[in-house]
Amino acid sequence: QVQLVESGGGLVQPGGSLRLSCAASGSIRSIGGMGWYRPAPGKQRELVAYINSGGSTRYDDSVKGRFTISRDNAKNTVYLQMNSLKPEDTAVYYCNADRVRLWVGAPVSPWGQGTQVTVSS
């Protein structure tokens, strides 16, 4: 139905930058919100950054001022620009598309497979 494919992860030194991408493919009519998540102690995943269909954004306090989420609706793609990276940002980052409306069938909210980000010197 709908697949999310993430890219852009890797190894970077503290203070460095990475840009993650997540492209949705399939019989997509529209996508509601899109977000990036990572595992957190005591939780399955925590929200890192989220952008709704109108472009409004919200961020976890730990990444405010360092990470920027954006989306290209024509390409069904969401991006996460990560600057001033810290070792505690090390995690697998997962992309989620919320309320994906299809041309046929009920809406879905798929997850990507995850991309590893490692911040280390």
Protein backbone atom coordinates (compact mmCIF):
# COMPACT_ATOMS: atom_id res chain seq x y z
CA GLN A 1 0.00 0.00 0.00
CA VAL A 2 2.19 2.81 1.31
CA GLN A 3 5.91 2.59 1.96
CA LEU A 4 8.14 5.06 3.77
CA VAL A 5 11.82 4.96 2.88
CA GLU A 6 14.28 6.88 5.08
CA SER A 7 17.79 7.93 4.16
CA GLY A 8 20.54 10.26 5.34
CA GLY A 9 21.65 8.66 8.58
CA GLY A 10 25.27 8.00 9.42
CA LEU A 11 28.20 8.73 11.70
CA VAL A 12 28.98 12.34 12.54
CA GLN A 13 31.17 14.11 15.08
CA PRO A 14 29.65 16.17 17.90
CA GLY A 15 28.68 19.58 16.57
CA GLY A 16 28.16 18.23 13.08
CA SER A 17 25.07 18.07 10.88
CA LEU A 18 22.98 15.50 9.07
CA ARG A 19 19.87 15.72 6.93
CA LEU A 20 17.36 12.89 7.05
CA SER A 21 14.82 12.28 4.30
CA CYS A 22 11.68 10.16 4.27
CA ALA A 23 9.82 9.55 1.04
CA ALA A 24 6.33 8.05 0.93
CA SER A 25 5.26 6.02 -2.07
CA GLY A 26 2.08 4.22 -3.10
CA SER A 27 -1.45 5.13 -4.13
CA ILE A 28 -1.44 8.26 -2.00
CA ARG A 29 -4.20 10.81 -2.24
CA SER A 30 -3.04 13.01 0.63
CA ILE A 31 -0.96 12.89 3.80
CA GLY A 32 -1.86 14.51 7.09
CA GLY A 33 1.04 15.06 9.47
CA MET A 34 4.54 13.66 9.14
CA GLY A 35 7.00 13.19 11.94
CA TRP A 36 10.29 11.84 13.15
CA TYR A 37 10.58 9.67 16.25
CA ARG A 38 13.32 7.89 18.19
CA PRO A 39 13.35 5.37 21.05
CA ALA A 40 13.32 6.77 24.57
CA PRO A 41 13.69 5.25 28.05
CA GLY A 42 10.34 4.00 29.27
CA LYS A 43 8.66 4.68 25.93
CA GLN A 44 8.46 2.82 22.67
CA ARG A 45 9.28 5.96 20.73
CA GLU A 46 9.30 9.67 21.47
CA LEU A 47 8.38 12.45 19.13
CA VAL A 48 11.38 14.40 17.87
CA ALA A 49 9.68 16.70 15.37
CA TYR A 50 6.29 16.90 13.66
CA ILE A 51 4.84 18.91 10.79
CA ASN A 52 1.17 18.98 9.89
CA SER A 53 -0.38 19.31 6.47
CA GLY A 54 -0.50 23.09 6.83
CA GLY A 55 3.17 23.39 7.69
CA SER A 56 2.87 23.99 11.44
CA THR A 57 5.64 22.33 13.40
CA ARG A 58 6.42 21.17 16.90
CA TYR A 59 9.60 19.83 18.47
CA ASP A 60 10.79 17.99 21.51
CA ASP A 61 12.45 20.43 23.90
CA SER A 62 15.77 18.61 23.56
CA VAL A 63 16.07 19.48 19.85
CA LYS A 64 14.49 22.94 19.68
CA GLY A 65 16.81 25.40 17.96
CA ARG A 66 18.98 22.61 16.54
CA PHE A 67 16.64 20.52 14.37
CA THR A 68 14.32 21.73 11.62
CA ILE A 69 11.55 19.68 10.05
CA SER A 70 10.18 20.48 6.60
CA ARG A 71 8.16 18.76 3.92
CA ASP A 72 7.70 18.76 0.16
CA ASN A 73 4.07 17.84 -0.47
CA ALA A 74 4.61 17.40 -4.20
CA LYS A 75 7.19 14.71 -3.47
CA ASN A 76 5.42 13.25 -0.38
CA THR A 77 8.71 13.71 1.43
CA VAL A 78 9.63 14.98 4.88
CA TYR A 79 13.08 16.16 5.93
CA LEU A 80 14.85 16.59 9.23
CA GLN A 81 17.83 18.96 9.24
CA MET A 82 19.89 18.13 12.31
CA ASN A 83 22.52 20.68 13.37
CA SER A 84 24.78 20.96 16.42
CA LEU A 85 24.43 17.23 16.99
CA LYS A 86 25.21 15.81 20.41
CA PRO A 87 26.15 12.27 21.48
CA GLU A 88 22.75 11.97 23.18
CA ASP A 89 21.09 12.37 19.76
CA THR A 90 22.44 8.94 18.84
CA ALA A 91 19.49 6.71 17.98
CA VAL A 92 17.56 5.03 15.22
CA TYR A 93 15.24 7.66 13.77
CA TYR A 94 11.87 6.54 12.46
CA CYS A 95 9.60 8.39 10.09
CA ASN A 96 5.81 8.28 10.41
CA ALA A 97 3.10 9.51 8.08
CA ASP A 98 -0.17 10.22 9.83
CA ARG A 99 -3.63 9.84 8.22
CA VAL A 100 -2.48 8.87 4.75
CA ARG A 101 -5.55 8.89 2.53
CA LEU A 102 -5.45 6.46 -0.35
CA TRP A 103 -7.34 6.42 -3.62
CA VAL A 104 -8.74 3.05 -2.57
CA GLY A 105 -9.20 1.77 0.97
CA ALA A 106 -9.11 3.15 4.48
CA PRO A 107 -6.51 5.69 5.70
CA VAL A 108 -3.24 4.30 7.05
CA SER A 109 -0.43 5.59 9.26
CA PRO A 110 2.72 3.74 8.19
CA TRP A 111 6.20 3.76 9.71
CA GLY A 112 9.56 3.65 8.00
CA GLN A 113 12.22 1.05 8.73
CA GLY A 114 14.45 3.50 10.61
CA THR A 115 17.82 5.09 9.90
CA GLN A 116 20.73 5.04 12.32
CA VAL A 117 22.26 8.31 13.50
CA THR A 118 25.48 8.02 15.52
CA VAL A 119 27.13 11.08 17.03
CA SER A 120 30.61 10.26 18.26
CA SER A 121 34.17 11.51 18.08
